[in-house]
Amino acid sequence: MTDETGQAAPASLLARLDAADRLPGAAALRSHSYDLLGAAPGTRVVDVGCGGGRAVAELAGRGVRATGLDPDERMVAAARARWPGTDVRLGDAYALPLPDASADGYRADKVFHELTEPERALAEARRVLAPGGRIVLVGQDWDTLVVDSDDPALTRALVHARADRVTAPRAARAYRTLLLGAGFTAATVEVRTTVLTGPSGAARRAKYPIQ
């Protein structure tokens, strides 16, 4: 569902984000991303592209001084309504409304595959991170979907067709290169695989058809 601007309507996007948050292993992956940030009580973390604000609320629950940023004012309003008291603001990955060296951690989940200029976003990340700050990028490689099918040619066509609808479908595999190119050090990559079978897999396919 889209609005008159062609963008995903907030209710539709929130439903998709909620569905992703319920996938097997999603909660554990979010928690792991907080651990990688070193998100201890009192630390300052910015969650870029925060969507419905779940990660901001979970970080705040850890005692973190978390700020969520999203470029869509409708999503900001939805996040504030869902998680009263959280710090969620309007903000663009290319121009973060934060002072220099004001964050100990930078997190972006399901964001970089939507960016046409990831280098600009990483330059902003470096600007707002304090010395010794950490950055964690979480995302799906849209060109690496494996489907058990008796028609592999059709499956490949469908996977590639879906990937081609994403701005940067292979952004996740380039994270390490992008981070090193932006001047970050000790960049590492972890790969997690989600396996969907039975009713959960069928529901996932029905909810997100190739379109």
N, C-alpha and C. Protein backbone atom coordinates (compact mmCIF):
# COMPACT_ATOMS: atom_id res chain seq x y z
N MET A 1 0.85 -1.19 0.00
CA MET A 1 0.00 0.00 0.00
C MET A 1 0.88 1.24 0.00
N THR A 2 0.60 2.19 -0.88
CA THR A 2 1.36 3.43 -0.93
C THR A 2 0.41 4.61 -0.83
N ASP A 3 0.98 5.79 -0.46
CA ASP A 3 0.17 6.99 -0.41
C ASP A 3 0.28 7.73 -1.72
N GLU A 4 -0.21 8.99 -1.74
CA GLU A 4 -0.23 9.73 -2.99
C GLU A 4 1.16 10.10 -3.48
N THR A 5 2.18 10.02 -2.62
CA THR A 5 3.55 10.33 -3.03
C THR A 5 4.25 9.12 -3.60
N GLY A 6 3.63 7.93 -3.50
CA GLY A 6 4.27 6.71 -3.98
C GLY A 6 5.06 6.01 -2.90
N GLN A 7 5.10 6.59 -1.67
CA GLN A 7 5.82 5.98 -0.57
C GLN A 7 4.93 4.98 0.15
N ALA A 8 5.57 4.03 0.82
CA ALA A 8 4.80 3.06 1.61
C ALA A 8 4.05 3.80 2.70
N ALA A 9 2.76 3.51 2.83
CA ALA A 9 1.97 4.13 3.88
C ALA A 9 2.49 3.66 5.23
N PRO A 10 2.42 4.53 6.27
CA PRO A 10 2.98 4.17 7.58
C PRO A 10 2.46 2.86 8.13
N ALA A 11 1.14 2.63 8.06
CA ALA A 11 0.59 1.40 8.62
C ALA A 11 1.16 0.18 7.92
N SER A 12 1.29 0.26 6.60
CA SER A 12 1.83 -0.85 5.83
C SER A 12 3.29 -1.10 6.18
N LEU A 13 4.07 -0.03 6.25
CA LEU A 13 5.49 -0.17 6.57
C LEU A 13 5.69 -0.68 7.98
N LEU A 14 4.92 -0.16 8.93
CA LEU A 14 5.03 -0.64 10.30
C LEU A 14 4.68 -2.12 10.39
N ALA A 15 3.68 -2.56 9.65
CA ALA A 15 3.31 -3.97 9.66
C ALA A 15 4.44 -4.83 9.13
N ARG A 16 5.12 -4.36 8.09
CA ARG A 16 6.25 -5.10 7.54
C ARG A 16 7.41 -5.15 8.52
N LEU A 17 7.68 -4.03 9.18
CA LEU A 17 8.76 -4.00 10.17
C LEU A 17 8.42 -4.91 11.36
N ASP A 18 7.18 -4.88 11.79
CA ASP A 18 6.76 -5.75 12.89
C ASP A 18 6.92 -7.22 12.51
N ALA A 19 6.56 -7.56 11.27
CA ALA A 19 6.70 -8.94 10.81
C ALA A 19 8.17 -9.35 10.81
N ALA A 20 9.03 -8.46 10.37
CA ALA A 20 10.47 -8.75 10.37
C ALA A 20 10.99 -8.94 11.78
N ASP A 21 10.47 -8.14 12.71
CA ASP A 21 10.90 -8.25 14.11
C ASP A 21 10.45 -9.56 14.75
N ARG A 22 9.44 -10.20 14.17
CA ARG A 22 8.96 -11.47 14.73
C ARG A 22 9.60 -12.69 14.09
N LEU A 23 10.45 -12.50 13.11
CA LEU A 23 11.10 -13.63 12.46
C LEU A 23 11.99 -14.38 13.45
N PRO A 24 12.20 -15.66 13.24
CA PRO A 24 13.08 -16.42 14.13
C PRO A 24 14.46 -15.77 14.22
N GLY A 25 14.92 -15.55 15.43
CA GLY A 25 16.26 -15.00 15.63
C GLY A 25 16.34 -13.48 15.57
N ALA A 26 15.25 -12.79 15.23
CA ALA A 26 15.31 -11.34 15.07
C ALA A 26 15.61 -10.63 16.39
N ALA A 27 14.94 -11.04 17.46
CA ALA A 27 15.17 -10.40 18.75
C ALA A 27 16.60 -10.63 19.23
N ALA A 28 17.11 -11.85 19.03
CA ALA A 28 18.48 -12.15 19.44
C ALA A 28 19.48 -11.33 18.62
N LEU A 29 19.19 -11.13 17.34
CA LEU A 29 20.08 -10.33 16.50
C LEU A 29 20.09 -8.88 16.94
N ARG A 30 18.93 -8.33 17.28
CA ARG A 30 18.90 -6.95 17.78
C ARG A 30 19.73 -6.84 19.05
N SER A 31 19.52 -7.79 19.96
CA SER A 31 20.26 -7.76 21.22
C SER A 31 21.76 -7.85 20.97
N HIS A 32 22.15 -8.71 20.03
CA HIS A 32 23.57 -8.85 19.70
C HIS A 32 24.13 -7.55 19.15
N SER A 33 23.33 -6.85 18.35
CA SER A 33 23.81 -5.58 17.80
C SER A 33 24.05 -4.56 18.91
N TYR A 34 23.22 -4.60 19.96
CA TYR A 34 23.43 -3.69 21.09
C TYR A 34 24.72 -4.05 21.83
N ASP A 35 24.96 -5.35 21.97
CA ASP A 35 26.20 -5.78 22.64
C ASP A 35 27.42 -5.34 21.84
N LEU A 36 27.36 -5.47 20.51
CA LEU A 36 28.48 -5.06 19.68
C LEU A 36 28.76 -3.57 19.80
N LEU A 37 27.72 -2.80 20.04
CA LEU A 37 27.89 -1.35 20.23
C LEU A 37 28.53 -1.03 21.58
N GLY A 38 28.55 -2.00 22.48
CA GLY A 38 28.99 -1.70 23.83
C GLY A 38 27.98 -0.82 24.55
N ALA A 39 26.69 -1.10 24.28
CA ALA A 39 25.61 -0.24 24.77
C ALA A 39 25.35 -0.47 26.25
N ALA A 40 26.19 0.14 27.08
CA ALA A 40 26.06 0.04 28.53
C ALA A 40 25.26 1.24 29.04
N PRO A 41 24.74 1.13 30.26
CA PRO A 41 24.00 2.26 30.82
C PRO A 41 24.82 3.55 30.77
N GLY A 42 24.16 4.61 30.31
CA GLY A 42 24.82 5.92 30.24
C GLY A 42 25.50 6.22 28.92
N THR A 43 25.72 5.19 28.09
CA THR A 43 26.33 5.45 26.79
C THR A 43 25.31 6.11 25.88
N ARG A 44 25.83 6.80 24.86
CA ARG A 44 24.97 7.55 23.93
C ARG A 44 24.98 6.84 22.58
N VAL A 45 23.80 6.40 22.15
CA VAL A 45 23.68 5.65 20.90
C VAL A 45 22.64 6.31 20.01
N VAL A 46 22.96 6.43 18.73
CA VAL A 46 22.00 6.91 17.75
C VAL A 46 21.59 5.75 16.85
N ASP A 47 20.27 5.55 16.72
CA ASP A 47 19.73 4.51 15.85
C ASP A 47 19.17 5.20 14.61
N VAL A 48 19.88 5.06 13.50
CA VAL A 48 19.53 5.78 12.27
C VAL A 48 18.55 4.95 11.44
N GLY A 49 17.47 5.58 10.99
CA GLY A 49 16.42 4.85 10.29
C GLY A 49 15.66 3.99 11.27
N CYS A 50 15.23 4.60 12.38
CA CYS A 50 14.69 3.82 13.51
C CYS A 50 13.30 3.27 13.26
N GLY A 51 12.61 3.71 12.21
CA GLY A 51 11.30 3.16 11.91
C GLY A 51 10.33 3.31 13.06
N GLY A 52 9.73 2.19 13.49
CA GLY A 52 8.76 2.22 14.57
C GLY A 52 9.33 2.42 15.96
N GLY A 53 10.65 2.49 16.09
CA GLY A 53 11.28 2.84 17.35
C GLY A 53 11.55 1.72 18.32
N ARG A 54 11.37 0.46 17.89
CA ARG A 54 11.55 -0.66 18.82
C ARG A 54 12.97 -0.70 19.40
N ALA A 55 13.98 -0.55 18.54
CA ALA A 55 15.36 -0.62 19.02
C ALA A 55 15.67 0.53 19.98
N VAL A 56 15.12 1.70 19.71
CA VAL A 56 15.34 2.85 20.60
C VAL A 56 14.78 2.52 21.99
N ALA A 57 13.58 1.96 22.02
CA ALA A 57 12.97 1.60 23.29
C ALA A 57 13.76 0.51 24.01
N GLU A 58 14.24 -0.48 23.26
CA GLU A 58 15.00 -1.56 23.89
C GLU A 58 16.34 -1.05 24.43
N LEU A 59 16.97 -0.16 23.68
CA LEU A 59 18.22 0.43 24.17
C LEU A 59 17.97 1.27 25.41
N ALA A 60 16.91 2.07 25.40
CA ALA A 60 16.58 2.87 26.57
C ALA A 60 16.32 1.98 27.78
N GLY A 61 15.73 0.81 27.54
CA GLY A 61 15.48 -0.13 28.62
C GLY A 61 16.75 -0.66 29.25
N ARG A 62 17.86 -0.56 28.51
CA ARG A 62 19.17 -0.96 29.03
C ARG A 62 19.86 0.19 29.77
N GLY A 63 19.19 1.33 29.82
CA GLY A 63 19.81 2.49 30.46
C GLY A 63 20.66 3.32 29.51
N VAL A 64 20.55 3.02 28.21
CA VAL A 64 21.31 3.75 27.20
C VAL A 64 20.61 5.07 26.89
N ARG A 65 21.39 6.10 26.63
CA ARG A 65 20.83 7.38 26.20
C ARG A 65 20.65 7.29 24.68
N ALA A 66 19.55 6.70 24.27
CA ALA A 66 19.32 6.37 22.86
C ALA A 66 18.51 7.45 22.16
N THR A 67 18.95 7.78 20.94
CA THR A 67 18.22 8.71 20.08
C THR A 67 17.90 8.01 18.77
N GLY A 68 16.63 8.01 18.40
CA GLY A 68 16.23 7.43 17.13
C GLY A 68 15.99 8.51 16.10
N LEU A 69 16.45 8.27 14.87
CA LEU A 69 16.27 9.22 13.78
C LEU A 69 15.61 8.52 12.60
N ASP A 70 14.66 9.19 11.98
CA ASP A 70 14.02 8.65 10.79
C ASP A 70 13.66 9.81 9.87
N PRO A 71 13.81 9.63 8.54
CA PRO A 71 13.53 10.73 7.62
C PRO A 71 12.05 10.97 7.35
N ASP A 72 11.19 10.07 7.82
CA ASP A 72 9.76 10.19 7.56
C ASP A 72 9.06 10.66 8.83
N GLU A 73 8.51 11.86 8.79
CA GLU A 73 7.88 12.41 9.98
C GLU A 73 6.70 11.56 10.46
N ARG A 74 6.08 10.81 9.55
CA ARG A 74 4.98 9.93 9.94
C ARG A 74 5.49 8.77 10.77
N MET A 75 6.67 8.26 10.44
CA MET A 75 7.25 7.18 11.23
C MET A 75 7.71 7.70 12.59
N VAL A 76 8.22 8.93 12.61
CA VAL A 76 8.61 9.53 13.89
C VAL A 76 7.40 9.64 14.80
N ALA A 77 6.28 10.09 14.25
CA ALA A 77 5.06 10.21 15.04
C ALA A 77 4.59 8.84 15.54
N ALA A 78 4.68 7.83 14.68
CA ALA A 78 4.26 6.48 15.07
C ALA A 78 5.15 5.94 16.18
N ALA A 79 6.47 6.16 16.05
CA ALA A 79 7.40 5.67 17.07
C ALA A 79 7.15 6.34 18.41
N ARG A 80 6.90 7.64 18.39
CA ARG A 80 6.62 8.35 19.64
C ARG A 80 5.34 7.86 20.28
N ALA A 81 4.33 7.54 19.45
CA ALA A 81 3.07 7.04 19.99
C ALA A 81 3.23 5.64 20.58
N ARG A 82 4.05 4.81 19.92
CA ARG A 82 4.24 3.43 20.38
C ARG A 82 5.09 3.37 21.64
N TRP A 83 6.09 4.24 21.71
CA TRP A 83 7.05 4.17 22.82
C TRP A 83 7.15 5.55 23.48
N PRO A 84 6.15 5.95 24.24
CA PRO A 84 6.16 7.28 24.87
C PRO A 84 7.41 7.48 25.74
N GLY A 85 7.96 8.68 25.63
CA GLY A 85 9.13 9.00 26.43
C GLY A 85 10.46 8.73 25.76
N THR A 86 10.43 8.02 24.62
CA THR A 86 11.68 7.78 23.90
C THR A 86 12.07 9.02 23.10
N ASP A 87 13.35 9.15 22.82
CA ASP A 87 13.88 10.29 22.07
C ASP A 87 13.94 9.90 20.60
N VAL A 88 12.91 10.24 19.86
CA VAL A 88 12.84 9.94 18.43
C VAL A 88 12.65 11.26 17.68
N ARG A 89 13.50 11.49 16.68
CA ARG A 89 13.49 12.77 15.98
C ARG A 89 13.52 12.55 14.47
N LEU A 90 13.15 13.60 13.75
CA LEU A 90 13.26 13.61 12.30
C LEU A 90 14.74 13.79 11.95
N GLY A 91 15.26 12.93 11.09
CA GLY A 91 16.68 13.03 10.74
C GLY A 91 17.03 12.19 9.54
N ASP A 92 17.95 12.68 8.75
CA ASP A 92 18.39 12.04 7.52
C ASP A 92 19.78 11.45 7.71
N ALA A 93 20.02 10.27 7.15
CA ALA A 93 21.33 9.62 7.29
C ALA A 93 22.46 10.46 6.73
N TYR A 94 22.14 11.32 5.76
CA TYR A 94 23.16 12.15 5.13
C TYR A 94 23.42 13.45 5.89
N ALA A 95 22.54 13.80 6.83
CA ALA A 95 22.69 15.04 7.57
C ALA A 95 22.08 14.84 8.96
N LEU A 96 22.81 14.18 9.83
CA LEU A 96 22.32 13.86 11.15
C LEU A 96 22.21 15.12 12.01
N PRO A 97 21.06 15.34 12.64
CA PRO A 97 20.88 16.54 13.46
C PRO A 97 21.51 16.41 14.84
N LEU A 98 22.81 16.07 14.84
CA LEU A 98 23.54 15.85 16.09
C LEU A 98 24.88 16.56 16.03
N PRO A 99 25.40 17.01 17.17
CA PRO A 99 26.72 17.66 17.18
C PRO A 99 27.85 16.68 16.88
N ASP A 100 28.99 17.23 16.54
CA ASP A 100 30.18 16.41 16.33
C ASP A 100 30.53 15.64 17.61
N ALA A 101 31.01 14.41 17.44
CA ALA A 101 31.51 13.59 18.55
C ALA A 101 30.51 13.49 19.71
N SER A 102 29.22 13.38 19.37
CA SER A 102 28.19 13.37 20.41
C SER A 102 27.64 11.98 20.71
N ALA A 103 28.12 10.94 20.01
CA ALA A 103 27.57 9.59 20.19
C ALA A 103 28.69 8.59 20.44
N ASP A 104 28.42 7.63 21.30
CA ASP A 104 29.36 6.53 21.53
C ASP A 104 29.10 5.37 20.58
N GLY A 105 27.88 5.31 20.04
CA GLY A 105 27.54 4.23 19.13
C GLY A 105 26.59 4.70 18.05
N TYR A 106 26.74 4.10 16.87
CA TYR A 106 25.89 4.39 15.71
C TYR A 106 25.37 3.06 15.20
N ARG A 107 24.05 2.97 15.08
CA ARG A 107 23.42 1.73 14.62
C ARG A 107 22.48 2.03 13.47
N ALA A 108 22.52 1.20 12.43
CA ALA A 108 21.60 1.32 11.31
C ALA A 108 21.17 -0.08 10.90
N ASP A 109 19.89 -0.35 11.00
CA ASP A 109 19.33 -1.67 10.69
C ASP A 109 18.34 -1.53 9.54
N LYS A 110 18.55 -2.30 8.48
CA LYS A 110 17.69 -2.25 7.30
C LYS A 110 17.65 -0.85 6.70
N VAL A 111 18.80 -0.22 6.61
CA VAL A 111 18.89 1.16 6.12
C VAL A 111 19.77 1.29 4.89
N PHE A 112 20.96 0.71 4.93
CA PHE A 112 21.95 1.00 3.87
C PHE A 112 21.55 0.44 2.51
N HIS A 113 20.66 -0.55 2.46
CA HIS A 113 20.22 -1.01 1.15
C HIS A 113 19.25 -0.01 0.50
N GLU A 114 18.84 1.02 1.26
CA GLU A 114 17.98 2.07 0.71
C GLU A 114 18.76 3.31 0.29
N LEU A 115 20.06 3.33 0.53
CA LEU A 115 20.86 4.54 0.29
C LEU A 115 21.57 4.49 -1.06
N THR A 116 21.55 5.60 -1.78
CA THR A 116 22.28 5.70 -3.04
C THR A 116 23.71 6.15 -2.83
N GLU A 117 23.99 6.79 -1.69
CA GLU A 117 25.33 7.30 -1.40
C GLU A 117 25.77 6.86 0.00
N PRO A 118 26.07 5.60 0.19
CA PRO A 118 26.44 5.12 1.52
C PRO A 118 27.69 5.81 2.08
N GLU A 119 28.59 6.23 1.20
CA GLU A 119 29.81 6.90 1.66
C GLU A 119 29.46 8.19 2.42
N ARG A 120 28.47 8.93 1.92
CA ARG A 120 28.05 10.15 2.60
C ARG A 120 27.49 9.85 3.98
N ALA A 121 26.71 8.79 4.08
CA ALA A 121 26.13 8.41 5.36
C ALA A 121 27.23 8.02 6.36
N LEU A 122 28.25 7.31 5.88
CA LEU A 122 29.33 6.91 6.77
C LEU A 122 30.20 8.09 7.18
N ALA A 123 30.33 9.08 6.32
CA ALA A 123 31.05 10.29 6.70
C ALA A 123 30.31 10.99 7.84
N GLU A 124 28.98 11.00 7.79
CA GLU A 124 28.19 11.57 8.87
C GLU A 124 28.33 10.74 10.14
N ALA A 125 28.37 9.42 9.99
CA ALA A 125 28.54 8.56 11.15
C ALA A 125 29.86 8.89 11.85
N ARG A 126 30.92 9.05 11.09
CA ARG A 126 32.23 9.38 11.68
C ARG A 126 32.18 10.73 12.38
N ARG A 127 31.45 11.66 11.78
CA ARG A 127 31.39 13.00 12.37
C ARG A 127 30.74 12.97 13.76
N VAL A 128 29.64 12.21 13.91
CA VAL A 128 28.92 12.25 15.18
C VAL A 128 29.50 11.29 16.22
N LEU A 129 30.32 10.34 15.80
CA LEU A 129 30.90 9.40 16.75
C LEU A 129 32.06 10.03 17.51
N ALA A 130 32.06 9.81 18.80
CA ALA A 130 33.18 10.26 19.63
C ALA A 130 34.37 9.34 19.39
N PRO A 131 35.58 9.80 19.73
CA PRO A 131 36.76 8.92 19.60
C PRO A 131 36.53 7.59 20.31
N GLY A 132 36.82 6.50 19.62
CA GLY A 132 36.59 5.18 20.18
C GLY A 132 35.17 4.68 20.02
N GLY A 133 34.30 5.47 19.37
CA GLY A 133 32.92 5.07 19.18
C GLY A 133 32.80 3.89 18.23
N ARG A 134 31.69 3.19 18.31
CA ARG A 134 31.48 2.00 17.50
C ARG A 134 30.30 2.18 16.54
N ILE A 135 30.39 1.52 15.40
CA ILE A 135 29.30 1.53 14.42
C ILE A 135 28.91 0.10 14.11
N VAL A 136 27.60 -0.16 14.06
CA VAL A 136 27.07 -1.48 13.73
C VAL A 136 26.03 -1.31 12.62
N LEU A 137 26.25 -1.99 11.52
CA LEU A 137 25.30 -1.99 10.41
C LEU A 137 24.67 -3.37 10.32
N VAL A 138 23.35 -3.40 10.24
CA VAL A 138 22.62 -4.66 10.14
C VAL A 138 21.77 -4.60 8.88
N GLY A 139 21.82 -5.64 8.08
CA GLY A 139 21.00 -5.60 6.88
C GLY A 139 21.01 -6.91 6.13
N GLN A 140 20.07 -7.04 5.23
CA GLN A 140 19.90 -8.24 4.44
C GLN A 140 20.51 -8.06 3.06
N ASP A 141 21.18 -9.09 2.57
CA ASP A 141 21.63 -9.10 1.18
C ASP A 141 20.47 -9.64 0.34
N TRP A 142 19.84 -8.74 -0.41
CA TRP A 142 18.61 -9.11 -1.12
C TRP A 142 18.86 -10.02 -2.31
N ASP A 143 20.11 -10.17 -2.69
CA ASP A 143 20.42 -11.06 -3.81
C ASP A 143 20.86 -12.43 -3.32
N THR A 144 20.73 -12.67 -2.01
CA THR A 144 21.11 -13.95 -1.43
C THR A 144 19.92 -14.54 -0.70
N LEU A 145 18.88 -14.80 -1.44
CA LEU A 145 17.72 -15.51 -0.93
C LEU A 145 17.71 -16.91 -1.54
N VAL A 146 17.66 -17.92 -0.72
CA VAL A 146 17.71 -19.30 -1.19
C VAL A 146 16.35 -19.94 -0.97
N VAL A 147 15.77 -20.44 -2.03
CA VAL A 147 14.44 -21.03 -1.96
C VAL A 147 14.51 -22.48 -2.45
N ASP A 148 13.96 -23.39 -1.66
CA ASP A 148 13.88 -24.79 -2.07
C ASP A 148 12.73 -24.90 -3.07
N SER A 149 13.07 -25.14 -4.31
CA SER A 149 12.06 -25.14 -5.36
C SER A 149 12.40 -26.21 -6.40
N ASP A 150 11.37 -26.74 -7.05
CA ASP A 150 11.63 -27.71 -8.12
C ASP A 150 11.76 -27.02 -9.48
N ASP A 151 11.80 -25.68 -9.45
CA ASP A 151 11.99 -24.91 -10.69
C ASP A 151 13.05 -23.85 -10.43
N PRO A 152 14.33 -24.24 -10.41
CA PRO A 152 15.40 -23.31 -10.06
C PRO A 152 15.49 -22.10 -10.98
N ALA A 153 15.20 -22.27 -12.24
CA ALA A 153 15.28 -21.14 -13.16
C ALA A 153 14.26 -20.07 -12.78
N LEU A 154 13.04 -20.49 -12.48
CA LEU A 154 12.01 -19.54 -12.07
C LEU A 154 12.38 -18.90 -10.74
N THR A 155 12.89 -19.70 -9.81
CA THR A 155 13.28 -19.17 -8.51
C THR A 155 14.33 -18.08 -8.66
N ARG A 156 15.37 -18.33 -9.48
CA ARG A 156 16.41 -17.32 -9.70
C ARG A 156 15.80 -16.05 -10.28
N ALA A 157 14.90 -16.20 -11.22
CA ALA A 157 14.28 -15.04 -11.85
C ALA A 157 13.50 -14.21 -10.83
N LEU A 158 12.76 -14.90 -9.96
CA LEU A 158 11.97 -14.19 -8.95
C LEU A 158 12.86 -13.49 -7.93
N VAL A 159 13.92 -14.17 -7.47
CA VAL A 159 14.83 -13.57 -6.50
C VAL A 159 15.49 -12.33 -7.10
N HIS A 160 15.97 -12.44 -8.32
CA HIS A 160 16.63 -11.30 -8.95
C HIS A 160 15.64 -10.17 -9.22
N ALA A 161 14.41 -10.52 -9.60
CA ALA A 161 13.40 -9.49 -9.83
C ALA A 161 13.10 -8.72 -8.55
N ARG A 162 13.02 -9.46 -7.42
CA ARG A 162 12.77 -8.79 -6.13
C ARG A 162 13.97 -7.93 -5.75
N ALA A 163 15.17 -8.44 -5.93
CA ALA A 163 16.36 -7.67 -5.58
C ALA A 163 16.46 -6.39 -6.41
N ASP A 164 16.06 -6.46 -7.65
CA ASP A 164 16.17 -5.30 -8.53
C ASP A 164 15.24 -4.17 -8.12
N ARG A 165 14.28 -4.45 -7.24
CA ARG A 165 13.39 -3.40 -6.75
C ARG A 165 13.99 -2.63 -5.59
N VAL A 166 15.14 -3.09 -5.08
CA VAL A 166 15.80 -2.45 -3.95
C VAL A 166 16.89 -1.52 -4.47
N THR A 167 17.06 -0.38 -3.83
CA THR A 167 18.03 0.62 -4.28
C THR A 167 19.43 0.02 -4.38
N ALA A 168 19.88 -0.64 -3.33
CA ALA A 168 21.21 -1.23 -3.30
C ALA A 168 21.10 -2.64 -2.71
N PRO A 169 20.62 -3.61 -3.49
CA PRO A 169 20.30 -4.93 -2.95
C PRO A 169 21.49 -5.69 -2.37
N ARG A 170 22.70 -5.37 -2.82
CA ARG A 170 23.89 -6.08 -2.35
C ARG A 170 24.73 -5.25 -1.37
N ALA A 171 24.11 -4.24 -0.76
CA ALA A 171 24.85 -3.36 0.14
C ALA A 171 25.48 -4.12 1.31
N ALA A 172 24.76 -5.10 1.86
CA ALA A 172 25.25 -5.78 3.05
C ALA A 172 26.59 -6.47 2.82
N ARG A 173 26.78 -7.06 1.65
CA ARG A 173 28.05 -7.75 1.41
C ARG A 173 29.21 -6.76 1.27
N ALA A 174 28.90 -5.49 1.09
CA ALA A 174 29.94 -4.47 0.92
C ALA A 174 30.23 -3.70 2.21
N TYR A 175 29.59 -4.07 3.32
CA TYR A 175 29.75 -3.30 4.55
C TYR A 175 31.22 -3.12 4.95
N ARG A 176 31.98 -4.21 4.95
CA ARG A 176 33.37 -4.11 5.40
C ARG A 176 34.17 -3.17 4.50
N THR A 177 34.00 -3.32 3.20
CA THR A 177 34.72 -2.46 2.26
C THR A 177 34.33 -1.00 2.46
N LEU A 178 33.03 -0.75 2.64
CA LEU A 178 32.56 0.61 2.83
C LEU A 178 33.12 1.21 4.12
N LEU A 179 33.10 0.43 5.19
CA LEU A 179 33.59 0.93 6.47
C LEU A 179 35.08 1.25 6.43
N LEU A 180 35.85 0.35 5.85
CA LEU A 180 37.28 0.60 5.74
C LEU A 180 37.56 1.80 4.85
N GLY A 181 36.80 1.92 3.76
CA GLY A 181 36.98 3.05 2.87
C GLY A 181 36.63 4.38 3.52
N ALA A 182 35.72 4.35 4.51
CA ALA A 182 35.32 5.56 5.21
C ALA A 182 36.25 5.91 6.36
N GLY A 183 37.26 5.06 6.59
CA GLY A 183 38.24 5.36 7.62
C GLY A 183 38.04 4.64 8.93
N PHE A 184 37.04 3.75 9.00
CA PHE A 184 36.86 2.96 10.21
C PHE A 184 37.90 1.85 10.24
N THR A 185 38.25 1.40 11.42
CA THR A 185 39.25 0.35 11.57
C THR A 185 38.64 -0.87 12.24
N ALA A 186 39.35 -1.99 12.14
CA ALA A 186 38.93 -3.25 12.77
C ALA A 186 37.51 -3.64 12.36
N ALA A 187 37.20 -3.43 11.09
CA ALA A 187 35.86 -3.78 10.59
C ALA A 187 35.74 -5.30 10.43
N THR A 188 34.68 -5.86 10.97
CA THR A 188 34.43 -7.29 10.85
C THR A 188 33.02 -7.51 10.31
N VAL A 189 32.78 -8.71 9.79
CA VAL A 189 31.48 -9.06 9.23
C VAL A 189 31.00 -10.35 9.86
N GLU A 190 29.75 -10.39 10.27
CA GLU A 190 29.12 -11.61 10.74
C GLU A 190 27.94 -11.93 9.83
N VAL A 191 27.76 -13.20 9.52
CA VAL A 191 26.66 -13.62 8.66
C VAL A 191 25.70 -14.49 9.46
N ARG A 192 24.45 -14.13 9.47
CA ARG A 192 23.41 -14.93 10.12
C ARG A 192 22.43 -15.41 9.05
N THR A 193 21.99 -16.64 9.16
CA THR A 193 21.04 -17.21 8.21
C THR A 193 19.73 -17.50 8.92
N THR A 194 18.65 -17.02 8.34
CA THR A 194 17.32 -17.31 8.87
C THR A 194 16.66 -18.36 7.98
N VAL A 195 16.21 -19.44 8.57
CA VAL A 195 15.56 -20.51 7.83
C VAL A 195 14.08 -20.49 8.15
N LEU A 196 13.25 -20.35 7.12
CA LEU A 196 11.80 -20.34 7.27
C LEU A 196 11.23 -21.60 6.67
N THR A 197 10.50 -22.35 7.46
CA THR A 197 9.90 -23.60 6.98
C THR A 197 8.45 -23.66 7.40
N GLY A 198 7.71 -24.56 6.78
CA GLY A 198 6.33 -24.81 7.19
C GLY A 198 5.47 -23.57 7.10
N PRO A 199 4.52 -23.42 8.02
CA PRO A 199 3.56 -22.31 7.99
C PRO A 199 4.23 -20.95 8.04
N SER A 200 5.32 -20.79 8.82
CA SER A 200 5.97 -19.48 8.92
C SER A 200 6.56 -19.07 7.59
N GLY A 201 7.14 -20.02 6.88
CA GLY A 201 7.69 -19.70 5.57
C GLY A 201 6.61 -19.37 4.57
N ALA A 202 5.51 -20.11 4.62
CA ALA A 202 4.40 -19.85 3.71
C ALA A 202 3.77 -18.50 3.99
N ALA A 203 3.64 -18.15 5.28
CA ALA A 203 3.07 -16.84 5.63
C ALA A 203 3.96 -15.72 5.17
N ARG A 204 5.26 -15.92 5.30
CA ARG A 204 6.22 -14.90 4.86
C ARG A 204 6.09 -14.66 3.36
N ARG A 205 5.98 -15.74 2.60
CA ARG A 205 5.87 -15.60 1.14
C ARG A 205 4.55 -14.93 0.75
N ALA A 206 3.49 -15.27 1.50
CA ALA A 206 2.19 -14.68 1.17
C ALA A 206 2.16 -13.19 1.49
N LYS A 207 2.83 -12.81 2.58
CA LYS A 207 2.80 -11.42 3.01
C LYS A 207 3.66 -10.54 2.13
N TYR A 208 4.79 -11.09 1.62
CA TYR A 208 5.71 -10.29 0.82
C TYR A 208 5.90 -10.93 -0.55
N PRO A 209 4.88 -10.91 -1.40
CA PRO A 209 5.03 -11.51 -2.72
C PRO A 209 5.91 -10.67 -3.61
N ILE A 210 6.43 -11.28 -4.67
CA ILE A 210 7.15 -10.52 -5.69
C ILE A 210 6.15 -9.61 -6.36
N GLN A 211 6.47 -8.30 -6.42
CA GLN A 211 5.51 -7.38 -7.02
C GLN A 211 6.22 -6.24 -7.73
